[in-house]
Amino acid sequence: MNPSRRILLTGLAGLAMAPTAVAAAPVPAAGNATVAEERFARMIAAAHASDVTCVEQAERYADAHWPEYVAAARAVLDARA
């Protein structure tokens, strides 16, 4: 699976879980995020970049906004467990 498809699918999973995650934890708790949560949050953030086809722009967006997606990443990871 190529990276852009993986990022897109991860973003869709984050979108599906985001409403429940926001209700559960409205404040991003990036300070105590595990490595898996941070990586998954970065992938979700990259999928939500304005131009997903540009990898560099998606990476910059993910670097700047990944803490906002920690709650969604936790929700997805907890749902898989």
Protein backbone atom coordinates (compact mmCIF):
# COMPACT_ATOMS: atom_id res chain seq x y z
CA MET A 1 0.00 0.00 0.00
CA ASN A 2 1.51 3.31 -1.00
CA PRO A 3 1.93 6.09 1.62
CA SER A 4 -0.76 8.42 0.24
CA ARG A 5 -3.41 5.69 0.35
CA ARG A 6 -2.33 4.71 3.88
CA ILE A 7 -2.51 8.34 5.03
CA LEU A 8 -5.94 8.76 3.46
CA LEU A 9 -7.32 5.59 5.08
CA THR A 10 -5.87 6.58 8.45
CA GLY A 11 -7.48 10.00 8.15
CA LEU A 12 -10.82 8.41 7.41
CA ALA A 13 -10.48 6.22 10.49
CA GLY A 14 -9.66 9.33 12.51
CA LEU A 15 -12.69 11.13 11.12
CA ALA A 16 -14.93 8.24 12.07
CA MET A 17 -13.69 8.28 15.65
CA ALA A 18 -13.15 12.03 16.09
CA PRO A 19 -16.66 12.99 17.30
CA THR A 20 -16.55 10.42 20.11
CA ALA A 21 -12.97 11.27 20.97
CA VAL A 22 -13.70 15.00 21.16
CA ALA A 23 -16.60 14.37 23.52
CA ALA A 24 -14.43 12.15 25.70
CA ALA A 25 -11.34 14.39 25.83
CA PRO A 26 -11.90 17.92 24.48
CA VAL A 27 -8.44 19.17 25.46
CA PRO A 28 -5.55 17.74 23.46
CA ALA A 29 -3.23 15.89 25.82
CA ALA A 30 -0.15 15.72 23.64
CA GLY A 31 2.25 15.97 26.57
CA ASN A 32 1.66 12.40 27.68
CA ALA A 33 1.04 10.78 24.29
CA THR A 34 2.75 7.48 23.60
CA VAL A 35 4.88 7.01 20.50
CA ALA A 36 2.10 5.02 18.81
CA GLU A 37 -0.47 7.71 19.59
CA GLU A 38 1.82 10.44 18.30
CA ARG A 39 2.56 8.60 15.06
CA PHE A 40 -1.09 7.82 14.48
CA ALA A 41 -2.08 11.42 15.29
CA ARG A 42 0.49 12.66 12.77
CA MET A 43 -0.95 10.34 10.11
CA ILE A 44 -4.49 11.54 10.80
CA ALA A 45 -3.32 15.17 10.69
CA ALA A 46 -1.50 14.57 7.40
CA ALA A 47 -4.69 13.16 5.93
CA HIS A 48 -6.53 16.33 6.92
CA ALA A 49 -4.06 18.67 5.22
CA SER A 50 -5.61 20.98 2.65
CA ASP A 51 -3.64 19.40 -0.21
CA VAL A 52 -3.11 15.72 0.55
CA THR A 53 -1.50 15.13 -2.85
CA CYS A 54 1.51 17.26 -1.84
CA VAL A 55 3.48 15.11 0.60
CA GLU A 56 5.64 17.98 1.86
CA GLN A 57 2.62 20.14 2.67
CA ALA A 58 0.90 17.24 4.41
CA GLU A 59 4.02 16.60 6.51
CA ARG A 60 4.29 20.28 7.49
CA TYR A 61 0.61 20.33 8.45
CA ALA A 62 1.04 17.13 10.47
CA ASP A 63 4.07 18.54 12.30
CA ALA A 64 2.14 21.66 13.26
CA HIS A 65 -1.24 20.13 14.13
CA TRP A 66 -0.68 16.58 15.39
CA PRO A 67 -1.50 17.45 19.04
CA GLU A 68 -5.06 18.30 17.96
CA TYR A 69 -5.55 14.72 16.75
CA VAL A 70 -4.22 12.82 19.79
CA ALA A 71 -7.72 12.21 21.17
CA ALA A 72 -8.89 10.74 17.86
CA ALA A 73 -5.76 8.59 17.64
CA ARG A 74 -6.35 7.27 21.16
CA ALA A 75 -9.96 6.47 20.34
CA VAL A 76 -8.97 4.50 17.23
CA LEU A 77 -6.17 2.65 19.03
CA ASP A 78 -8.45 1.84 21.98
CA ALA A 79 -11.15 0.58 19.62
CA ARG A 80 -8.66 -1.83 18.05
CA ALA A 81 -7.63 -3.27 21.43
